C-alpha atoms as a PDB file:
ATOM      1  CA  MET A   1     -15.344 -27.775 -10.541  1.00  0.00           C
ATOM      2  CA  SER A   2     -15.703 -23.684  -9.991  1.00  0.00           C
ATOM      3  CA  THR A   3     -12.872 -21.334 -10.652  1.00  0.00           C
ATOM      4  CA  GLU A   4     -14.241 -18.983  -8.781  1.00  0.00           C
ATOM      5  CA  PRO A   5     -12.202 -17.321  -5.855  1.00  0.00           C
ATOM      6  CA  PRO A   6     -13.186 -18.341  -2.145  1.00  0.00           C
ATOM      7  CA  PRO A   7     -15.091 -15.939  -0.222  1.00  0.00           C
ATOM      8  CA  GLY A   8     -12.871 -13.299   1.895  1.00  0.00           C
ATOM      9  CA  SER A   9     -10.113 -13.427  -0.371  1.00  0.00           C
ATOM     10  CA  GLY A  10     -10.339  -9.507  -1.890  1.00  0.00           C
ATOM     11  CA  ARG A  11     -12.123  -7.979  -4.338  1.00  0.00           C
ATOM     12  CA  GLN A  12      -9.150  -9.058  -7.744  1.00  0.00           C
ATOM     13  CA  PRO A  13      -9.039  -6.381  -9.338  1.00  0.00           C
ATOM     14  CA  PRO A  14     -10.848  -6.221 -13.159  1.00  0.00           C
ATOM     15  CA  GLU A  15      -9.558  -6.980 -16.100  1.00  0.00           C
ATOM     16  CA  ASP A  16     -10.430  -3.426 -17.533  1.00  0.00           C
ATOM     17  CA  ASP A  17      -8.890  -1.947 -14.996  1.00  0.00           C
ATOM     18  CA  PRO A  18      -7.564   1.442 -16.681  1.00  0.00           C
ATOM     19  CA  PHE A  19      -4.698   1.205 -15.202  1.00  0.00           C
ATOM     20  CA  ARG A  20      -3.409  -2.405 -15.516  1.00  0.00           C
ATOM     21  CA  LYS A  21      -0.116  -2.469 -17.787  1.00  0.00           C
ATOM     22  CA  GLN A  22      -0.874  -4.274 -20.852  1.00  0.00           C
ATOM     23  CA  PRO A  23       1.662  -6.996 -22.506  1.00  0.00           C
ATOM     24  CA  PRO A  24       1.974  -7.076 -26.094  1.00  0.00           C
ATOM     25  CA  PRO A  25       0.238  -9.900 -27.539  1.00  0.00           C
ATOM     26  CA  GLY A  26       2.245 -12.634 -27.809  1.00  0.00           C
ATOM     27  CA  GLN A  27       3.587 -12.130 -24.347  1.00  0.00           C
ATOM     28  CA  GLY A  28       2.600 -13.221 -20.634  1.00  0.00           C
ATOM     29  CA  SER A  29       2.679 -11.228 -18.179  1.00  0.00           C
ATOM     30  CA  GLY A  30       5.446 -12.620 -15.400  1.00  0.00           C
ATOM     31  CA  SER A  31       6.372 -11.302 -11.797  1.00  0.00           C
ATOM     32  CA  PRO A  32      10.140  -9.556  -9.998  1.00  0.00           C
ATOM     33  CA  TYR A  33       8.506 -11.889  -7.733  1.00  0.00           C
ATOM     34  CA  ASP A  34       7.979 -15.208  -9.984  1.00  0.00           C
ATOM     35  CA  PRO A  35      10.730 -17.692  -9.583  1.00  0.00           C
ATOM     36  CA  PRO A  36      12.571 -18.540 -12.851  1.00  0.00           C
ATOM     37  CA  PRO A  37      10.525 -21.118 -14.707  1.00  0.00           C
ATOM     38  CA  TYR A  38      11.853 -25.074 -13.270  1.00  0.00           C
ATOM     39  CA  GLY A  39      15.459 -26.216 -15.202  1.00  0.00           C
ATOM     40  CA  SER A  40      15.718 -23.234 -16.980  1.00  0.00           C
ATOM     41  CA  GLN A  41      18.884 -21.924 -17.952  1.00  0.00           C
ATOM     42  CA  PRO A  42      21.168 -18.351 -17.780  1.00  0.00           C
ATOM     43  CA  PRO A  43      21.545 -16.772 -21.210  1.00  0.00           C
ATOM     44  CA  PRO A  44      25.852 -17.146 -22.335  1.00  0.00           C
ATOM     45  CA  PHE A  45      27.638 -14.430 -21.263  1.00  0.00           C
ATOM     46  CA  GLY A  46      26.939 -11.309 -23.126  1.00  0.00           C
ATOM     47  CA  SER A  47      23.427 -12.412 -24.821  1.00  0.00           C
ATOM     48  CA  GLU A  48      20.461 -10.058 -24.867  1.00  0.00           C
ATOM     49  CA  PRO A  49      17.946 -11.188 -21.457  1.00  0.00           C
ATOM     50  CA  PRO A  50      14.503 -12.987 -23.145  1.00  0.00           C
ATOM     51  CA  PRO A  51      11.205 -10.406 -23.056  1.00  0.00           C
ATOM     52  CA  TYR A  52       9.110  -9.957 -20.353  1.00  0.00           C
ATOM     53  CA  GLY A  53       7.458 -12.360 -19.179  1.00  0.00           C
ATOM     54  CA  GLY A  54       8.766 -14.563 -22.220  1.00  0.00           C
ATOM     55  CA  GLY A  55      11.156 -16.673 -20.656  1.00  0.00           C
ATOM     56  CA  SER A  56      13.775 -16.471 -17.006  1.00  0.00           C
ATOM     57  CA  TYR A  57      14.747 -12.592 -16.831  1.00  0.00           C
ATOM     58  CA  PRO A  58      11.689 -10.160 -16.429  1.00  0.00           C
ATOM     59  CA  THR A  59      12.238  -6.932 -17.773  1.00  0.00           C
ATOM     60  CA  ASP A  60      11.205  -3.945 -15.493  1.00  0.00           C
ATOM     61  CA  PRO A  61       8.151  -4.054 -13.571  1.00  0.00           C
ATOM     62  CA  LEU A  62       7.504  -0.488 -13.619  1.00  0.00           C
ATOM     63  CA  ALA A  63       7.737  -0.461 -17.510  1.00  0.00           C
ATOM     64  CA  GLY A  64       4.789   1.359 -19.163  1.00  0.00           C
ATOM     65  CA  MET A  65       3.579   2.978 -16.273  1.00  0.00           C
ATOM     66  CA  PRO A  66       3.803   6.506 -15.000  1.00  0.00           C
ATOM     67  CA  PRO A  67       7.060   7.872 -12.984  1.00  0.00           C
ATOM     68  CA  LEU A  68       7.764   6.926  -9.295  1.00  0.00           C
ATOM     69  CA  ALA A  69       5.867   9.494  -6.941  1.00  0.00           C
ATOM     70  CA  ASP A  70       8.199  11.893  -5.121  1.00  0.00           C
ATOM     71  CA  SER A  71       8.895  10.898  -1.920  1.00  0.00           C
ATOM     72  CA  GLY A  72       8.313  14.363  -0.161  1.00  0.00           C
ATOM     73  CA  ARG A  73       5.340  14.454  -2.184  1.00  0.00           C
ATOM     74  CA  ARG A  74       4.294  10.536  -0.791  1.00  0.00           C
ATOM     75  CA  THR A  75       4.787  12.432   2.732  1.00  0.00           C
ATOM     76  CA  LEU A  76       2.917  15.885   2.580  1.00  0.00           C
ATOM     77  CA  ALA A  77      -0.129  13.656   1.426  1.00  0.00           C
ATOM     78  CA  ARG A  78       0.187  11.084   3.675  1.00  0.00           C
ATOM     79  CA  ILE A  79       0.280  14.246   6.121  1.00  0.00           C
ATOM     80  CA  ILE A  80      -2.993  15.395   5.045  1.00  0.00           C
ATOM     81  CA  ASP A  81      -4.881  11.967   5.415  1.00  0.00           C
ATOM     82  CA  MET A  82      -3.191  10.994   9.072  1.00  0.00           C
ATOM     83  CA  ILE A  83      -4.968  14.945   9.669  1.00  0.00           C
ATOM     84  CA  LEU A  84      -8.272  14.236   7.660  1.00  0.00           C
ATOM     85  CA  VAL A  85      -8.476  11.010   9.392  1.00  0.00           C
ATOM     86  CA  GLY A  86      -7.492  11.855  13.012  1.00  0.00           C
ATOM     87  CA  ILE A  87     -10.181  15.030  13.446  1.00  0.00           C
ATOM     88  CA  LEU A  88     -13.217  12.025  13.093  1.00  0.00           C
ATOM     89  CA  VAL A  89     -10.194  10.130  15.246  1.00  0.00           C
ATOM     90  CA  TRP A  90     -10.505  13.276  17.790  1.00  0.00           C
ATOM     91  CA  LEU A  91     -14.758  14.318  17.631  1.00  0.00           C
ATOM     92  CA  LEU A  92     -15.116  10.334  17.531  1.00  0.00           C
ATOM     93  CA  THR A  93     -13.771   9.602  20.973  1.00  0.00           C
ATOM     94  CA  TRP A  94     -14.826  13.270  22.153  1.00  0.00           C
ATOM     95  CA  ALA A  95     -18.343  12.466  21.540  1.00  0.00           C
ATOM     96  CA  PHE A  96     -18.553   9.252  23.435  1.00  0.00           C
ATOM     97  CA  GLY A  97     -15.804  10.200  26.187  1.00  0.00           C
ATOM     98  CA  VAL A  98     -12.752   7.819  25.212  1.00  0.00           C
ATOM     99  CA  HIS A  99     -10.018  10.186  25.533  1.00  0.00           C
ATOM    100  CA  GLU A 100      -6.320   9.594  25.797  1.00  0.00           C
ATOM    101  CA  TYR A 101      -6.055  10.215  29.605  1.00  0.00           C
ATOM    102  CA  ASP A 102      -8.638  10.493  32.096  1.00  0.00           C
ATOM    103  CA  LEU A 103      -7.078  11.593  34.906  1.00  0.00           C
ATOM    104  CA  ASN A 104      -8.660  11.576  38.742  1.00  0.00           C
ATOM    105  CA  SER A 105      -6.166  11.970  41.133  1.00  0.00           C
ATOM    106  CA  ASP A 106      -3.343   9.851  40.396  1.00  0.00           C
ATOM    107  CA  HIS A 107      -5.227   7.880  38.500  1.00  0.00           C
ATOM    108  CA  VAL A 108      -5.113   6.866  34.714  1.00  0.00           C
ATOM    109  CA  SER A 109      -7.461   4.961  32.661  1.00  0.00           C
ATOM    110  CA  TYR A 110      -5.583   2.796  30.410  1.00  0.00           C
ATOM    111  CA  ALA A 111      -8.543   1.480  28.858  1.00  0.00           C
ATOM    112  CA  LYS A 112      -9.755   4.677  27.556  1.00  0.00           C
ATOM    113  CA  SER A 113      -6.138   5.338  25.824  1.00  0.00           C
ATOM    114  CA  LEU A 114      -6.364   2.049  24.326  1.00  0.00           C
ATOM    115  CA  GLY A 115     -10.219   3.062  23.328  1.00  0.00           C
ATOM    116  CA  GLN A 116      -8.610   5.879  21.814  1.00  0.00           C
ATOM    117  CA  SER A 117      -5.720   3.499  19.748  1.00  0.00           C
ATOM    118  CA  LEU A 118      -8.286   0.916  18.564  1.00  0.00           C
ATOM    119  CA  THR A 119     -10.611   3.814  17.648  1.00  0.00           C
ATOM    120  CA  ALA A 120      -7.062   4.958  15.837  1.00  0.00           C
ATOM    121  CA  ALA A 121      -6.934   1.727  14.037  1.00  0.00           C
ATOM    122  CA  VAL A 122      -9.918   0.797  12.977  1.00  0.00           C
ATOM    123  CA  LEU A 123     -10.287   4.285  11.212  1.00  0.00           C
ATOM    124  CA  TYR A 124      -7.540   4.746   9.562  1.00  0.00           C
ATOM    125  CA  MET A 125      -7.239   1.090   8.325  1.00  0.00           C
ATOM    126  CA  GLY A 126     -10.683   1.491   6.874  1.00  0.00           C
ATOM    127  CA  TYR A 127      -9.828   5.160   5.481  1.00  0.00           C
ATOM    128  CA  ASP A 128      -7.238   3.723   3.444  1.00  0.00           C
ATOM    129  CA  THR A 129      -8.267   0.197   2.976  1.00  0.00           C
ATOM    130  CA  VAL A 130     -11.839   1.633   0.885  1.00  0.00           C
ATOM    131  CA  MET A 131     -10.520   4.741  -0.645  1.00  0.00           C
ATOM    132  CA  LEU A 132      -7.203   2.478  -2.420  1.00  0.00           C
ATOM    133  CA  SER A 133      -9.209  -0.116  -2.937  1.00  0.00           C
ATOM    134  CA  LYS A 134     -11.626   2.515  -5.310  1.00  0.00           C
ATOM    135  CA  SER A 135      -9.203   3.931  -7.214  1.00  0.00           C
ATOM    136  CA  GLY A 136      -6.094   3.877  -5.544  1.00  0.00           C
ATOM    137  CA  GLN A 137      -6.253   6.693  -4.208  1.00  0.00           C
ATOM    138  CA  THR A 138      -6.669   8.232  -0.413  1.00  0.00           C
ATOM    139  CA  LEU A 139      -7.832  12.013  -1.004  1.00  0.00           C
ATOM    140  CA  GLY A 140      -4.505  13.330   0.186  1.00  0.00           C
ATOM    141  CA  LYS A 141      -2.672  11.254  -2.767  1.00  0.00           C
ATOM    142  CA  LYS A 142      -5.195  12.202  -5.187  1.00  0.00           C
ATOM    143  CA  TRP A 143      -4.699  16.181  -4.340  1.00  0.00           C
ATOM    144  CA  LEU A 144      -0.988  15.409  -4.835  1.00  0.00           C
ATOM    145  CA  GLY A 145      -1.475  13.423  -7.680  1.00  0.00           C
ATOM    146  CA  LEU A 146       0.071  10.278  -7.184  1.00  0.00           C
ATOM    147  CA  ARG A 147      -1.545   6.944  -6.802  1.00  0.00           C
ATOM    148  CA  VAL A 148      -1.350   2.700  -5.328  1.00  0.00           C
ATOM    149  CA  ALA A 149      -0.230   0.067  -8.058  1.00  0.00           C
ATOM    150  CA  ASN A 150       0.217  -3.284  -8.015  1.00  0.00           C
ATOM    151  CA  LEU A 151       3.999  -3.779  -8.586  1.00  0.00           C
ATOM    152  CA  ASP A 152       3.535  -6.277 -10.640  1.00  0.00           C
ATOM    153  CA  ASN A 153       1.065  -5.083 -13.154  1.00  0.00           C
ATOM    154  CA  GLY A 154       0.101  -1.578 -11.965  1.00  0.00           C
ATOM    155  CA  ALA A 155      -3.606  -2.235 -11.529  1.00  0.00           C
ATOM    156  CA  THR A 156      -5.838  -1.053  -8.900  1.00  0.00           C
ATOM    157  CA  PRO A 157      -4.355  -3.055  -5.650  1.00  0.00           C
ATOM    158  CA  SER A 158      -7.152  -5.200  -4.142  1.00  0.00           C
ATOM    159  CA  VAL A 159      -9.193  -5.369  -0.710  1.00  0.00           C
ATOM    160  CA  GLN A 160      -6.534  -7.850   0.106  1.00  0.00           C
ATOM    161  CA  THR A 161      -3.848  -6.123  -0.881  1.00  0.00           C
ATOM    162  CA  ASN A 162      -4.989  -2.910   0.746  1.00  0.00           C
ATOM    163  CA  LEU A 163      -5.578  -4.558   3.648  1.00  0.00           C
ATOM    164  CA  ILE A 164      -2.425  -5.686   4.827  1.00  0.00           C
ATOM    165  CA  ARG A 165      -0.636  -2.656   3.214  1.00  0.00           C
ATOM    166  CA  ALA A 166      -3.088  -0.728   5.706  1.00  0.00           C
ATOM    167  CA  ALA A 167      -2.901  -3.117   9.060  1.00  0.00           C
ATOM    168  CA  VAL A 168       1.397  -3.152   8.343  1.00  0.00           C
ATOM    169  CA  LEU A 169       1.517   1.169   8.818  1.00  0.00           C
ATOM    170  CA  TRP A 170      -1.501   1.329  11.357  1.00  0.00           C
ATOM    171  CA  ILE A 171      -1.394  -0.803  13.617  1.00  0.00           C
ATOM    172  CA  PRO A 172       2.195  -0.040  14.820  1.00  0.00           C
ATOM    173  CA  PHE A 173       1.182   3.670  15.032  1.00  0.00           C
ATOM    174  CA  ALA A 174      -1.867   2.781  16.843  1.00  0.00           C
ATOM    175  CA  PHE A 175      -0.969   0.911  19.369  1.00  0.00           C
ATOM    176  CA  CYS A 176       2.723   1.018  20.590  1.00  0.00           C
ATOM    177  CA  CYS A 177       4.608   2.869  18.023  1.00  0.00           C
ATOM    178  CA  ALA A 178       3.058   5.658  16.801  1.00  0.00           C
ATOM    179  CA  CYS A 179       4.679   8.619  14.965  1.00  0.00           C
ATOM    180  CA  ILE A 180       8.315   6.708  15.095  1.00  0.00           C
ATOM    181  CA  TRP A 181       6.357   3.602  13.128  1.00  0.00           C
ATOM    182  CA  THR A 182       5.257   6.053  10.421  1.00  0.00           C
ATOM    183  CA  VAL A 183       8.156   7.997  10.098  1.00  0.00           C
ATOM    184  CA  ILE A 184      10.509   4.796  10.058  1.00  0.00           C
ATOM    185  CA  CYS A 185       7.349   3.202   7.633  1.00  0.00           C
ATOM    186  CA  GLY A 186       6.803   5.347   5.766  1.00  0.00           C
ATOM    187  CA  GLY A 187      10.324   6.875   5.121  1.00  0.00           C
ATOM    188  CA  TRP A 188      11.846   3.803   4.016  1.00  0.00           C
ATOM    189  CA  SER A 189      11.034   4.826   0.512  1.00  0.00           C
ATOM    190  CA  TYR A 190      13.064   8.021   0.347  1.00  0.00           C
ATOM    191  CA  PHE A 191      16.436   5.308   0.807  1.00  0.00           C
ATOM    192  CA  ASP A 192      14.852   2.471  -1.580  1.00  0.00           C
ATOM    193  CA  LYS A 193      16.543   1.336  -4.486  1.00  0.00           C
ATOM    194  CA  PRO A 194      14.726   0.971  -7.410  1.00  0.00           C
ATOM    195  CA  TYR A 195      11.308   1.070  -6.262  1.00  0.00           C
ATOM    196  CA  LYS A 196      10.658   3.974  -3.897  1.00  0.00           C
ATOM    197  CA  GLN A 197       9.234   2.069  -1.600  1.00  0.00           C
ATOM    198  CA  GLY A 198       8.322   1.501   2.206  1.00  0.00           C
ATOM    199  CA  LEU A 199       7.641  -1.202   4.272  1.00  0.00           C
ATOM    200  CA  HIS A 200       3.543  -1.654   4.352  1.00  0.00           C
ATOM    201  CA  ASP A 201       4.400  -1.270   0.089  1.00  0.00           C
ATOM    202  CA  LYS A 202       7.068  -4.562   0.519  1.00  0.00           C
ATOM    203  CA  ALA A 203       5.083  -5.553   2.788  1.00  0.00           C
ATOM    204  CA  ALA A 204       1.624  -5.769   0.045  1.00  0.00           C
ATOM    205  CA  LYS A 205       4.183  -5.502  -3.285  1.00  0.00           C
ATOM    206  CA  THR A 206       1.997  -2.276  -3.635  1.00  0.00           C
ATOM    207  CA  VAL A 207       4.530   1.161  -5.610  1.00  0.00           C
ATOM    208  CA  VAL A 208       3.196   4.475  -5.323  1.00  0.00           C
ATOM    209  CA  VAL A 209       3.625   6.508  -8.798  1.00  0.00           C
ATOM    210  CA  SER A 210       2.625   9.723  -9.708  1.00  0.00           C
ATOM    211  CA  THR A 211      -0.531  10.672 -12.537  1.00  0.00           C
ATOM    212  CA  ARG A 212       1.083  13.846 -13.072  1.00  0.00           C
END
């Protein structure tokens, strides 16, 4: 029986990913989202928790990874990416005559507005998914020394993971909530503890770390 993942399941991070955390020999690769093993009992009061991956209580999943990124730098990187992709959206919609509103007397062409929103959603999601799947960095993140990583192992997220992350961030932005959703989704990292995750990070189980 083949053990290969089914088609469409997303690119899995290679085992030689330089960002993947390597547990010490003899230890497993637990995840903060995995439930405790069935039938396990908590340790007696005052005793030390078991080693990472070796029992019911895994240690901090950020151990061995770079420090979490500052939320202010994350915001600046996002603004840079929005400007870069926004220029491309404007050029494409201008070239094809798809503008936000086309006023003709009292008539507003909502079809063109929807066309621009769809173009923006596809380009923003594609940009994030492709760039982050290659190195964990968009241009904005690369310039500011940031990287997106899997919370459980520090590896570069797969295509599927990045697509989920991008969809949560950009679909509401493009079709209903615009900048309000971006502020809520990304601004969540300013208050989230202990991993400084935005809502899109929580959906994809990722974190943003510093590379400097």
